[in-house]
PDB file of all heavy atoms in Angstrom:
ATOM      1  N   ARG A   1     218.882  22.315 198.264  1.00  0.00           N
ATOM      2  CA  ARG A   1     218.599  23.548 199.002  1.00  0.00           C
ATOM      3  C   ARG A   1     217.104  23.801 199.078  1.00  0.00           C
ATOM      4  O   ARG A   1     216.588  24.225 200.106  1.00  0.00           O
ATOM      5  CB  ARG A   1     219.306  24.721 198.312  1.00  0.00           C
ATOM      6  CG  ARG A   1     219.231  26.019 199.120  1.00  0.00           C
ATOM      7  CD  ARG A   1     219.846  27.180 198.352  1.00  0.00           C
ATOM      8  NE  ARG A   1     221.230  26.895 197.968  1.00  0.00           N
ATOM      9  CZ  ARG A   1     221.641  26.778 196.722  1.00  0.00           C
ATOM     10  NH1 ARG A   1     220.770  26.908 195.731  1.00  0.00           N
ATOM     11  NH2 ARG A   1     222.893  26.515 196.434  1.00  0.00           N
ATOM     12  N   ARG A   2     216.357  23.539 197.978  1.00  0.00           N
ATOM     13  CA  ARG A   2     214.920  23.765 197.961  1.00  0.00           C
ATOM     14  C   ARG A   2     214.196  22.809 198.914  1.00  0.00           C
ATOM     15  O   ARG A   2     213.181  23.138 199.495  1.00  0.00           O
ATOM     16  CB  ARG A   2     214.394  23.599 196.540  1.00  0.00           C
ATOM     17  CG  ARG A   2     212.922  23.926 196.399  1.00  0.00           C
ATOM     18  CD  ARG A   2     212.525  24.107 194.951  1.00  0.00           C
ATOM     19  NE  ARG A   2     212.904  22.966 194.125  1.00  0.00           N
ATOM     20  CZ  ARG A   2     213.837  23.012 193.174  1.00  0.00           C
ATOM     21  NH1 ARG A   2     214.494  24.128 192.920  1.00  0.00           N
ATOM     22  NH2 ARG A   2     214.137  21.937 192.473  1.00  0.00           N
ATOM     23  N   ARG A   3     214.751  21.602 199.079  1.00  0.00           N
ATOM     24  CA  ARG A   3     214.116  20.638 199.960  1.00  0.00           C
ATOM     25  C   ARG A   3     214.177  21.081 201.413  1.00  0.00           C
ATOM     26  O   ARG A   3     213.293  20.772 202.208  1.00  0.00           O
ATOM     27  CB  ARG A   3     214.818  19.284 199.804  1.00  0.00           C
ATOM     28  CG  ARG A   3     214.170  18.161 200.591  1.00  0.00           C
ATOM     29  CD  ARG A   3     214.990  16.903 200.482  1.00  0.00           C
ATOM     30  NE  ARG A   3     216.339  17.107 201.030  1.00  0.00           N
ATOM     31  CZ  ARG A   3     217.302  16.195 200.990  1.00  0.00           C
ATOM     32  NH1 ARG A   3     217.087  15.044 200.380  1.00  0.00           N
ATOM     33  NH2 ARG A   3     218.481  16.452 201.511  1.00  0.00           N
ATOM     34  N   HIS A   4     215.197  21.833 201.793  1.00  0.00           N
ATOM     35  CA  HIS A   4     215.380  22.237 203.183  1.00  0.00           C
ATOM     36  C   HIS A   4     214.660  23.546 203.510  1.00  0.00           C
ATOM     37  O   HIS A   4     214.695  23.978 204.656  1.00  0.00           O
ATOM     38  CB  HIS A   4     216.876  22.379 203.508  1.00  0.00           C
ATOM     39  CG  HIS A   4     217.624  21.076 203.453  1.00  0.00           C
ATOM     40  ND1 HIS A   4     217.351  20.023 204.300  1.00  0.00           N
ATOM     41  CD2 HIS A   4     218.615  20.652 202.626  1.00  0.00           C
ATOM     42  CE1 HIS A   4     218.161  19.006 204.032  1.00  0.00           C
ATOM     43  NE2 HIS A   4     218.936  19.360 203.011  1.00  0.00           N
ATOM     44  N   VAL A   5     214.008  24.156 202.559  1.00  0.00           N
ATOM     45  CA  VAL A   5     213.277  25.395 202.839  1.00  0.00           C
ATOM     46  C   VAL A   5     211.943  25.041 203.489  1.00  0.00           C
ATOM     47  O   VAL A   5     211.145  24.292 202.918  1.00  0.00           O
ATOM     48  CB  VAL A   5     213.034  26.199 201.544  1.00  0.00           C
ATOM     49  CG1 VAL A   5     212.195  27.429 201.826  1.00  0.00           C
ATOM     50  CG2 VAL A   5     214.366  26.597 200.934  1.00  0.00           C
ATOM     51  N   PRO A   6     211.639  25.530 204.694  1.00  0.00           N
ATOM     52  CA  PRO A   6     210.363  25.201 205.356  1.00  0.00           C
ATOM     53  C   PRO A   6     209.178  25.763 204.574  1.00  0.00           C
ATOM     54  O   PRO A   6     209.287  26.734 203.819  1.00  0.00           O
ATOM     55  CB  PRO A   6     210.495  25.871 206.733  1.00  0.00           C
ATOM     56  CG  PRO A   6     211.961  26.131 206.911  1.00  0.00           C
ATOM     57  CD  PRO A   6     212.514  26.352 205.539  1.00  0.00           C
ATOM     58  N   ASP A   7     208.019  25.150 204.781  1.00  0.00           N
ATOM     59  CA  ASP A   7     206.823  25.581 204.068  1.00  0.00           C
ATOM     60  C   ASP A   7     206.397  26.994 204.464  1.00  0.00           C
ATOM     61  O   ASP A   7     205.865  27.740 203.646  1.00  0.00           O
ATOM     62  CB  ASP A   7     205.673  24.599 204.336  1.00  0.00           C
ATOM     63  CG  ASP A   7     205.938  23.244 203.688  1.00  0.00           C
ATOM     64  OD1 ASP A   7     206.781  23.177 202.781  1.00  0.00           O
ATOM     65  OD2 ASP A   7     205.278  22.264 204.102  1.00  0.00           O
ATOM     66  N   TRP A   8     206.640  27.356 205.745  1.00  0.00           N
ATOM     67  CA  TRP A   8     206.187  28.668 206.189  1.00  0.00           C
ATOM     68  C   TRP A   8     206.943  29.785 205.479  1.00  0.00           C
ATOM     69  O   TRP A   8     206.410  30.899 205.336  1.00  0.00           O
ATOM     70  CB  TRP A   8     206.341  28.805 207.709  1.00  0.00           C
ATOM     71  CG  TRP A   8     207.752  28.777 208.205  1.00  0.00           C
ATOM     72  CD1 TRP A   8     208.450  27.715 208.646  1.00  0.00           C
ATOM     73  CD2 TRP A   8     208.637  29.910 208.311  1.00  0.00           C
ATOM     74  NE1 TRP A   8     209.721  28.070 209.027  1.00  0.00           N
ATOM     75  CE2 TRP A   8     209.855  29.426 208.837  1.00  0.00           C
ATOM     76  CE3 TRP A   8     208.523  31.262 208.027  1.00  0.00           C
ATOM     77  CZ2 TRP A   8     210.942  30.243 209.070  1.00  0.00           C
ATOM     78  CZ3 TRP A   8     209.605  32.082 208.270  1.00  0.00           C
ATOM     79  CH2 TRP A   8     210.795  31.592 208.786  1.00  0.00           C
ATOM     80  N   VAL A   9     208.148  29.485 205.000  1.00  0.00           N
ATOM     81  CA  VAL A   9     208.907  30.500 204.264  1.00  0.00           C
ATOM     82  C   VAL A   9     208.195  30.823 202.949  1.00  0.00           C
ATOM     83  O   VAL A   9     208.065  32.002 202.570  1.00  0.00           O
ATOM     84  CB  VAL A   9     210.347  30.028 204.015  1.00  0.00           C
ATOM     85  CG1 VAL A   9     211.090  31.013 203.130  1.00  0.00           C
ATOM     86  CG2 VAL A   9     211.087  29.830 205.333  1.00  0.00           C
ATOM     87  N   TRP A  10     207.707  29.792 202.274  1.00  0.00           N
ATOM     88  CA  TRP A  10     206.980  30.032 201.036  1.00  0.00           C
ATOM     89  C   TRP A  10     205.666  30.766 201.300  1.00  0.00           C
ATOM     90  O   TRP A  10     205.248  31.615 200.500  1.00  0.00           O
ATOM     91  CB  TRP A  10     206.685  28.701 200.330  1.00  0.00           C
ATOM     92  CG  TRP A  10     207.927  27.968 199.931  1.00  0.00           C
ATOM     93  CD1 TRP A  10     208.448  26.847 200.509  1.00  0.00           C
ATOM     94  CD2 TRP A  10     208.823  28.313 198.865  1.00  0.00           C
ATOM     95  NE1 TRP A  10     209.586  26.450 199.877  1.00  0.00           N
ATOM     96  CE2 TRP A  10     209.855  27.343 198.855  1.00  0.00           C
ATOM     97  CE3 TRP A  10     208.859  29.340 197.923  1.00  0.00           C
ATOM     98  CZ2 TRP A  10     210.896  27.368 197.940  1.00  0.00           C
ATOM     99  CZ3 TRP A  10     209.895  29.365 197.008  1.00  0.00           C
ATOM    100  CH2 TRP A  10     210.894  28.399 197.023  1.00  0.00           C
ATOM    101  N   SER A  11     205.010  30.446 202.411  1.00  0.00           N
ATOM    102  CA  SER A  11     203.759  31.138 202.749  1.00  0.00           C
ATOM    103  C   SER A  11     204.004  32.622 203.004  1.00  0.00           C
ATOM    104  O   SER A  11     203.281  33.486 202.490  1.00  0.00           O
ATOM    105  CB  SER A  11     203.118  30.485 203.983  1.00  0.00           C
ATOM    106  OG  SER A  11     202.836  29.123 203.747  1.00  0.00           O
ATOM    107  N   VAL A  12     205.029  32.912 203.794  1.00  0.00           N
ATOM    108  CA  VAL A  12     205.347  34.314 204.085  1.00  0.00           C
ATOM    109  C   VAL A  12     205.770  35.046 202.809  1.00  0.00           C
ATOM    110  O   VAL A  12     205.407  36.213 202.597  1.00  0.00           O
ATOM    111  CB  VAL A  12     206.454  34.389 205.160  1.00  0.00           C
ATOM    112  CG1 VAL A  12     206.932  35.825 205.341  1.00  0.00           C
ATOM    113  CG2 VAL A  12     205.944  33.841 206.483  1.00  0.00           C
ATOM    114  N   THR A  13     206.495  34.365 201.953  1.00  0.00           N
ATOM    115  CA  THR A  13     206.927  34.984 200.700  1.00  0.00           C
ATOM    116  C   THR A  13     205.737  35.333 199.811  1.00  0.00           C
ATOM    117  O   THR A  13     205.700  36.412 199.195  1.00  0.00           O
ATOM    118  CB  THR A  13     207.889  34.046 199.948  1.00  0.00           C
ATOM    119  OG1 THR A  13     209.002  33.733 200.793  1.00  0.00           O
ATOM    120  CG2 THR A  13     208.379  34.694 198.675  1.00  0.00           C
ATOM    121  N   SER A  14     204.770  34.434 199.727  1.00  0.00           N
ATOM    122  CA  SER A  14     203.590  34.719 198.892  1.00  0.00           C
ATOM    123  C   SER A  14     202.792  35.898 199.437  1.00  0.00           C
ATOM    124  O   SER A  14     202.319  36.750 198.673  1.00  0.00           O
ATOM    125  CB  SER A  14     202.710  33.474 198.808  1.00  0.00           C
ATOM    126  OG  SER A  14     202.188  33.139 200.091  1.00  0.00           O
ATOM    127  N   ILE A  15     202.661  35.976 200.771  1.00  0.00           N
ATOM    128  CA  ILE A  15     201.940  37.103 201.367  1.00  0.00           C
ATOM    129  C   ILE A  15     202.694  38.403 201.128  1.00  0.00           C
ATOM    130  O   ILE A  15     202.096  39.447 200.801  1.00  0.00           O
ATOM    131  CB  ILE A  15     201.720  36.856 202.873  1.00  0.00           C
ATOM    132  CG1 ILE A  15     200.809  35.646 203.066  1.00  0.00           C
ATOM    133  CG2 ILE A  15     201.120  38.085 203.537  1.00  0.00           C
ATOM    134  CD1 ILE A  15     200.636  35.243 204.512  1.00  0.00           C
ATOM    135  N   ALA A  16     204.012  38.357 201.293  1.00  0.00           N
ATOM    136  CA  ALA A  16     204.812  39.556 201.064  1.00  0.00           C
ATOM    137  C   ALA A  16     204.725  40.008 199.604  1.00  0.00           C
ATOM    138  O   ALA A  16     204.642  41.215 199.318  1.00  0.00           O
ATOM    139  CB  ALA A  16     206.263  39.296 201.452  1.00  0.00           C
ATOM    140  N   ALA A  17     204.711  39.062 198.671  1.00  0.00           N
ATOM    141  CA  ALA A  17     204.582  39.417 197.257  1.00  0.00           C
ATOM    142  C   ALA A  17     203.224  40.048 196.977  1.00  0.00           C
ATOM    143  O   ALA A  17     203.119  41.016 196.194  1.00  0.00           O
ATOM    144  CB  ALA A  17     204.786  38.174 196.391  1.00  0.00           C
ATOM    145  N   LEU A  18     202.179  39.532 197.605  1.00  0.00           N
ATOM    146  CA  LEU A  18     200.847  40.112 197.419  1.00  0.00           C
ATOM    147  C   LEU A  18     200.783  41.536 197.971  1.00  0.00           C
ATOM    148  O   LEU A  18     200.212  42.439 197.338  1.00  0.00           O
ATOM    149  CB  LEU A  18     199.800  39.225 198.097  1.00  0.00           C
ATOM    150  CG  LEU A  18     198.345  39.664 197.952  1.00  0.00           C
ATOM    151  CD1 LEU A  18     197.927  39.672 196.489  1.00  0.00           C
ATOM    152  CD2 LEU A  18     197.436  38.745 198.761  1.00  0.00           C
ATOM    153  N   LEU A  19     201.384  41.754 199.136  1.00  0.00           N
ATOM    154  CA  LEU A  19     201.408  43.101 199.707  1.00  0.00           C
ATOM    155  C   LEU A  19     202.224  44.052 198.831  1.00  0.00           C
ATOM    156  O   LEU A  19     201.840  45.217 198.644  1.00  0.00           O
ATOM    157  CB  LEU A  19     201.987  43.058 201.128  1.00  0.00           C
ATOM    158  CG  LEU A  19     201.116  42.385 202.193  1.00  0.00           C
ATOM    159  CD1 LEU A  19     201.860  42.324 203.522  1.00  0.00           C
ATOM    160  CD2 LEU A  19     199.802  43.142 202.369  1.00  0.00           C
ATOM    161  N   ALA A  20     203.342  43.559 198.309  1.00  0.00           N
ATOM    162  CA  ALA A  20     204.147  44.401 197.428  1.00  0.00           C
ATOM    163  C   ALA A  20     203.379  44.779 196.168  1.00  0.00           C
ATOM    164  O   ALA A  20     203.443  45.921 195.690  1.00  0.00           O
ATOM    165  CB  ALA A  20     205.449  43.683 197.075  1.00  0.00           C
ATOM    166  N   LEU A  21     202.639  43.820 195.627  1.00  0.00           N
ATOM    167  CA  LEU A  21     201.812  44.112 194.457  1.00  0.00           C
ATOM    168  C   LEU A  21     200.731  45.136 194.789  1.00  0.00           C
ATOM    169  O   LEU A  21     200.455  46.047 193.991  1.00  0.00           O
ATOM    170  CB  LEU A  21     201.184  42.824 193.944  1.00  0.00           C
ATOM    171  CG  LEU A  21     200.256  42.944 192.730  1.00  0.00           C
ATOM    172  CD1 LEU A  21     201.029  43.469 191.519  1.00  0.00           C
ATOM    173  CD2 LEU A  21     199.605  41.609 192.418  1.00  0.00           C
ATOM    174  N   TRP A  22     200.155  45.011 195.968  1.00  0.00           N
ATOM    175  CA  TRP A  22     199.125  45.965 196.417  1.00  0.00           C
ATOM    176  C   TRP A  22     199.720  47.370 196.525  1.00  0.00           C
ATOM    177  O   TRP A  22     199.137  48.353 196.053  1.00  0.00           O
ATOM    178  CB  TRP A  22     198.578  45.480 197.755  1.00  0.00           C
ATOM    179  CG  TRP A  22     197.423  46.273 198.293  1.00  0.00           C
ATOM    180  CD1 TRP A  22     196.721  47.259 197.673  1.00  0.00           C
ATOM    181  CD2 TRP A  22     196.840  46.121 199.581  1.00  0.00           C
ATOM    182  NE1 TRP A  22     195.737  47.745 198.472  1.00  0.00           N
ATOM    183  CE2 TRP A  22     195.783  47.059 199.657  1.00  0.00           C
ATOM    184  CE3 TRP A  22     197.100  45.300 200.673  1.00  0.00           C
ATOM    185  CZ2 TRP A  22     195.005  47.185 200.799  1.00  0.00           C
ATOM    186  CZ3 TRP A  22     196.317  45.415 201.799  1.00  0.00           C
ATOM    187  CH2 TRP A  22     195.283  46.354 201.860  1.00  0.00           C
ATOM    188  N   PHE A  23     200.880  47.473 197.173  1.00  0.00           N
ATOM    189  CA  PHE A  23     201.547  48.773 197.285  1.00  0.00           C
ATOM    190  C   PHE A  23     201.845  49.340 195.903  1.00  0.00           C
ATOM    191  O   PHE A  23     201.641  50.533 195.638  1.00  0.00           O
ATOM    192  CB  PHE A  23     202.848  48.632 198.078  1.00  0.00           C
ATOM    193  CG  PHE A  23     202.677  48.802 199.562  1.00  0.00           C
ATOM    194  CD1 PHE A  23     202.669  47.698 200.390  1.00  0.00           C
ATOM    195  CD2 PHE A  23     202.534  50.060 200.126  1.00  0.00           C
ATOM    196  CE1 PHE A  23     202.521  47.838 201.761  1.00  0.00           C
ATOM    197  CE2 PHE A  23     202.387  50.219 201.492  1.00  0.00           C
ATOM    198  CZ  PHE A  23     202.378  49.101 202.318  1.00  0.00           C
ATOM    199  N   GLY A  24     202.350  48.486 195.019  1.00  0.00           N
ATOM    200  CA  GLY A  24     202.719  48.972 193.690  1.00  0.00           C
ATOM    201  C   GLY A  24     201.525  49.476 192.897  1.00  0.00           C
ATOM    202  O   GLY A  24     201.602  50.515 192.230  1.00  0.00           O
ATOM    203  N   VAL A  25     200.401  48.771 192.972  1.00  0.00           N
ATOM    204  CA  VAL A  25     199.223  49.186 192.219  1.00  0.00           C
ATOM    205  C   VAL A  25     198.670  50.503 192.750  1.00  0.00           C
ATOM    206  O   VAL A  25     198.304  51.408 191.983  1.00  0.00           O
ATOM    207  CB  VAL A  25     198.152  48.076 192.260  1.00  0.00           C
ATOM    208  CG1 VAL A  25     196.830  48.569 191.689  1.00  0.00           C
ATOM    209  CG2 VAL A  25     198.626  46.860 191.489  1.00  0.00           C
ATOM    210  N   THR A  26     198.596  50.625 194.080  1.00  0.00           N
ATOM    211  CA  THR A  26     198.052  51.868 194.648  1.00  0.00           C
ATOM    212  C   THR A  26     198.988  53.054 194.430  1.00  0.00           C
ATOM    213  O   THR A  26     198.518  54.191 194.264  1.00  0.00           O
ATOM    214  CB  THR A  26     197.795  51.677 196.152  1.00  0.00           C
ATOM    215  OG1 THR A  26     199.001  51.211 196.797  1.00  0.00           O
ATOM    216  CG2 THR A  26     196.691  50.669 196.390  1.00  0.00           C
ATOM    217  N   ARG A  27     200.300  52.792 194.427  1.00  0.00           N
ATOM    218  CA  ARG A  27     201.241  53.898 194.222  1.00  0.00           C
ATOM    219  C   ARG A  27     201.287  54.336 192.754  1.00  0.00           C
ATOM    220  O   ARG A  27     201.522  55.500 192.455  1.00  0.00           O
ATOM    221  CB  ARG A  27     202.648  53.485 194.663  1.00  0.00           C
ATOM    222  CG  ARG A  27     202.806  53.333 196.163  1.00  0.00           C
ATOM    223  CD  ARG A  27     202.737  54.690 196.862  1.00  0.00           C
ATOM    224  NE  ARG A  27     203.046  54.575 198.262  1.00  0.00           N
ATOM    225  CZ  ARG A  27     202.200  54.219 199.207  1.00  0.00           C
ATOM    226  NH1 ARG A  27     200.951  53.921 198.878  1.00  0.00           N
ATOM    227  NH2 ARG A  27     202.545  54.154 200.474  1.00  0.00           N
ATOM    228  N   SER A  28     201.073  53.385 191.849  1.00  0.00           N
ATOM    229  CA  SER A  28     201.192  53.723 190.432  1.00  0.00           C
ATOM    230  C   SER A  28     199.993  54.496 189.903  1.00  0.00           C
ATOM    231  O   SER A  28     200.081  55.091 188.828  1.00  0.00           O
ATOM    232  CB  SER A  28     201.374  52.438 189.615  1.00  0.00           C
ATOM    233  OG  SER A  28     200.223  51.616 189.738  1.00  0.00           O
ATOM    234  N   GLY A  29     198.880  54.463 190.609  1.00  0.00           N
ATOM    235  CA  GLY A  29     197.689  55.165 190.154  1.00  0.00           C
ATOM    236  C   GLY A  29     196.889  54.410 189.109  1.00  0.00           C
ATOM    237  O   GLY A  29     196.020  55.008 188.456  1.00  0.00           O
ATOM    238  N   LEU A  30     197.165  53.115 188.927  1.00  0.00           N
ATOM    239  CA  LEU A  30     196.396  52.338 187.953  1.00  0.00           C
ATOM    240  C   LEU A  30     194.932  52.206 188.371  1.00  0.00           C
ATOM    241  O   LEU A  30     194.042  52.115 187.519  1.00  0.00           O
ATOM    242  CB  LEU A  30     197.017  50.947 187.793  1.00  0.00           C
ATOM    243  CG  LEU A  30     198.427  50.899 187.180  1.00  0.00           C
ATOM    244  CD1 LEU A  30     198.960  49.467 187.193  1.00  0.00           C
ATOM    245  CD2 LEU A  30     198.406  51.456 185.758  1.00  0.00           C
ATOM    246  N   VAL A  31     194.701  52.192 189.678  1.00  0.00           N
ATOM    247  CA  VAL A  31     193.347  52.102 190.213  1.00  0.00           C
ATOM    248  C   VAL A  31     193.125  53.299 191.126  1.00  0.00           C
ATOM    249  O   VAL A  31     193.998  53.661 191.915  1.00  0.00           O
ATOM    250  CB  VAL A  31     193.139  50.783 190.991  1.00  0.00           C
ATOM    251  CG1 VAL A  31     191.701  50.690 191.500  1.00  0.00           C
ATOM    252  CG2 VAL A  31     193.467  49.585 190.114  1.00  0.00           C
ATOM    253  N   LYS A  32     191.971  53.916 191.017  1.00  0.00           N
ATOM    254  CA  LYS A  32     191.679  55.085 191.836  1.00  0.00           C
ATOM    255  C   LYS A  32     191.593  54.690 193.310  1.00  0.00           C
ATOM    256  O   LYS A  32     191.116  53.604 193.652  1.00  0.00           O
ATOM    257  CB  LYS A  32     190.364  55.710 191.390  1.00  0.00           C
ATOM    258  CG  LYS A  32     190.400  56.294 189.984  1.00  0.00           C
ATOM    259  CD  LYS A  32     189.064  56.920 189.621  1.00  0.00           C
ATOM    260  CE  LYS A  32     189.103  57.504 188.210  1.00  0.00           C
ATOM    261  NZ  LYS A  32     187.804  58.118 187.831  1.00  0.00           N
ATOM    262  N   PRO A  33     192.025  55.573 194.225  1.00  0.00           N
ATOM    263  CA  PRO A  33     191.991  55.252 195.657  1.00  0.00           C
ATOM    264  C   PRO A  33     190.585  54.953 196.164  1.00  0.00           C
ATOM    265  O   PRO A  33     190.414  54.224 197.143  1.00  0.00           O
ATOM    266  CB  PRO A  33     192.572  56.511 196.308  1.00  0.00           C
ATOM    267  CG  PRO A  33     193.368  57.164 195.240  1.00  0.00           C
ATOM    268  CD  PRO A  33     192.683  56.863 193.954  1.00  0.00           C
ATOM    269  N   GLY A  34     189.569  55.513 195.511  1.00  0.00           N
ATOM    270  CA  GLY A  34     188.214  55.246 195.952  1.00  0.00           C
ATOM    271  C   GLY A  34     187.782  53.815 195.717  1.00  0.00           C
ATOM    272  O   GLY A  34     186.852  53.322 196.370  1.00  0.00           O
ATOM    273  N   TYR A  35     188.438  53.123 194.786  1.00  0.00           N
ATOM    274  CA  TYR A  35     188.083  51.744 194.479  1.00  0.00           C
ATOM    275  C   TYR A  35     189.028  50.739 195.118  1.00  0.00           C
ATOM    276  O   TYR A  35     188.609  49.628 195.443  1.00  0.00           O
ATOM    277  CB  TYR A  35     188.065  51.531 192.962  1.00  0.00           C
ATOM    278  CG  TYR A  35     186.974  52.301 192.266  1.00  0.00           C
ATOM    279  CD1 TYR A  35     187.238  53.557 191.702  1.00  0.00           C
ATOM    280  CD2 TYR A  35     185.684  51.797 192.176  1.00  0.00           C
ATOM    281  CE1 TYR A  35     186.232  54.280 191.061  1.00  0.00           C
ATOM    282  CE2 TYR A  35     184.678  52.509 191.545  1.00  0.00           C
ATOM    283  CZ  TYR A  35     184.959  53.751 190.983  1.00  0.00           C
ATOM    284  OH  TYR A  35     183.970  54.458 190.369  1.00  0.00           O
ATOM    285  N   LEU A  36     190.289  51.107 195.278  1.00  0.00           N
ATOM    286  CA  LEU A  36     191.269  50.237 195.934  1.00  0.00           C
ATOM    287  C   LEU A  36     192.101  51.098 196.877  1.00  0.00           C
ATOM    288  O   LEU A  36     193.095  51.712 196.468  1.00  0.00           O
ATOM    289  CB  LEU A  36     192.164  49.548 194.907  1.00  0.00           C
ATOM    290  CG  LEU A  36     193.222  48.591 195.492  1.00  0.00           C
ATOM    291  CD1 LEU A  36     192.537  47.444 196.229  1.00  0.00           C
ATOM    292  CD2 LEU A  36     194.126  48.050 194.388  1.00  0.00           C
ATOM    293  N   PRO A  37     191.712  51.159 198.163  1.00  0.00           N
ATOM    294  CA  PRO A  37     192.459  51.996 199.115  1.00  0.00           C
ATOM    295  C   PRO A  37     193.867  51.451 199.335  1.00  0.00           C
ATOM    296  O   PRO A  37     194.124  50.254 199.202  1.00  0.00           O
ATOM    297  CB  PRO A  37     191.624  51.900 200.395  1.00  0.00           C
ATOM    298  CG  PRO A  37     190.294  51.365 199.967  1.00  0.00           C
ATOM    299  CD  PRO A  37     190.548  50.511 198.768  1.00  0.00           C
ATOM    300  N   ALA A  38     194.758  52.354 199.668  1.00  0.00           N
ATOM    301  CA  ALA A  38     196.132  51.971 199.985  1.00  0.00           C
ATOM    302  C   ALA A  38     196.165  51.266 201.341  1.00  0.00           C
ATOM    303  O   ALA A  38     195.282  51.448 202.178  1.00  0.00           O
ATOM    304  CB  ALA A  38     197.028  53.206 200.000  1.00  0.00           C
ATOM    305  N   PRO A  39     197.184  50.444 201.596  1.00  0.00           N
ATOM    306  CA  PRO A  39     197.261  49.734 202.881  1.00  0.00           C
ATOM    307  C   PRO A  39     197.264  50.677 204.082  1.00  0.00           C
ATOM    308  O   PRO A  39     196.635  50.385 205.106  1.00  0.00           O
ATOM    309  CB  PRO A  39     198.577  48.960 202.777  1.00  0.00           C
ATOM    310  CG  PRO A  39     198.774  48.758 201.312  1.00  0.00           C
ATOM    311  CD  PRO A  39     198.230  49.989 200.664  1.00  0.00           C
ATOM    312  N   GLU A  40     197.970  51.817 203.970  1.00  0.00           N
ATOM    313  CA  GLU A  40     197.989  52.739 205.119  1.00  0.00           C
ATOM    314  C   GLU A  40     196.629  53.371 205.366  1.00  0.00           C
ATOM    315  O   GLU A  40     196.264  53.674 206.514  1.00  0.00           O
ATOM    316  CB  GLU A  40     199.052  53.820 204.911  1.00  0.00           C
ATOM    317  CG  GLU A  40     198.867  54.668 203.652  1.00  0.00           C
ATOM    318  CD  GLU A  40     199.576  54.122 202.462  1.00  0.00           C
ATOM    319  OE1 GLU A  40     199.878  52.914 202.476  1.00  0.00           O
ATOM    320  OE2 GLU A  40     199.829  54.891 201.511  1.00  0.00           O
ATOM    321  N   THR A  41     195.836  53.553 204.299  1.00  0.00           N
ATOM    322  CA  THR A  41     194.479  54.076 204.473  1.00  0.00           C
ATOM    323  C   THR A  41     193.604  53.077 205.224  1.00  0.00           C
ATOM    324  O   THR A  41     192.828  53.458 206.112  1.00  0.00           O
ATOM    325  CB  THR A  41     193.854  54.388 203.107  1.00  0.00           C
ATOM    326  OG1 THR A  41     194.693  55.305 202.401  1.00  0.00           O
ATOM    327  CG2 THR A  41     192.460  54.974 203.263  1.00  0.00           C
TER     328      THR A  41
END
């Protein structure tokens, strides 16, 4: 099953994981908005 997964699927997954991490960090308040703006900002 892993052999039949196209490479672009893994690329999109990594980008989506990075965006999810970005959303999570900005929503949790670990970093102030002045230093790491939220994606919608």
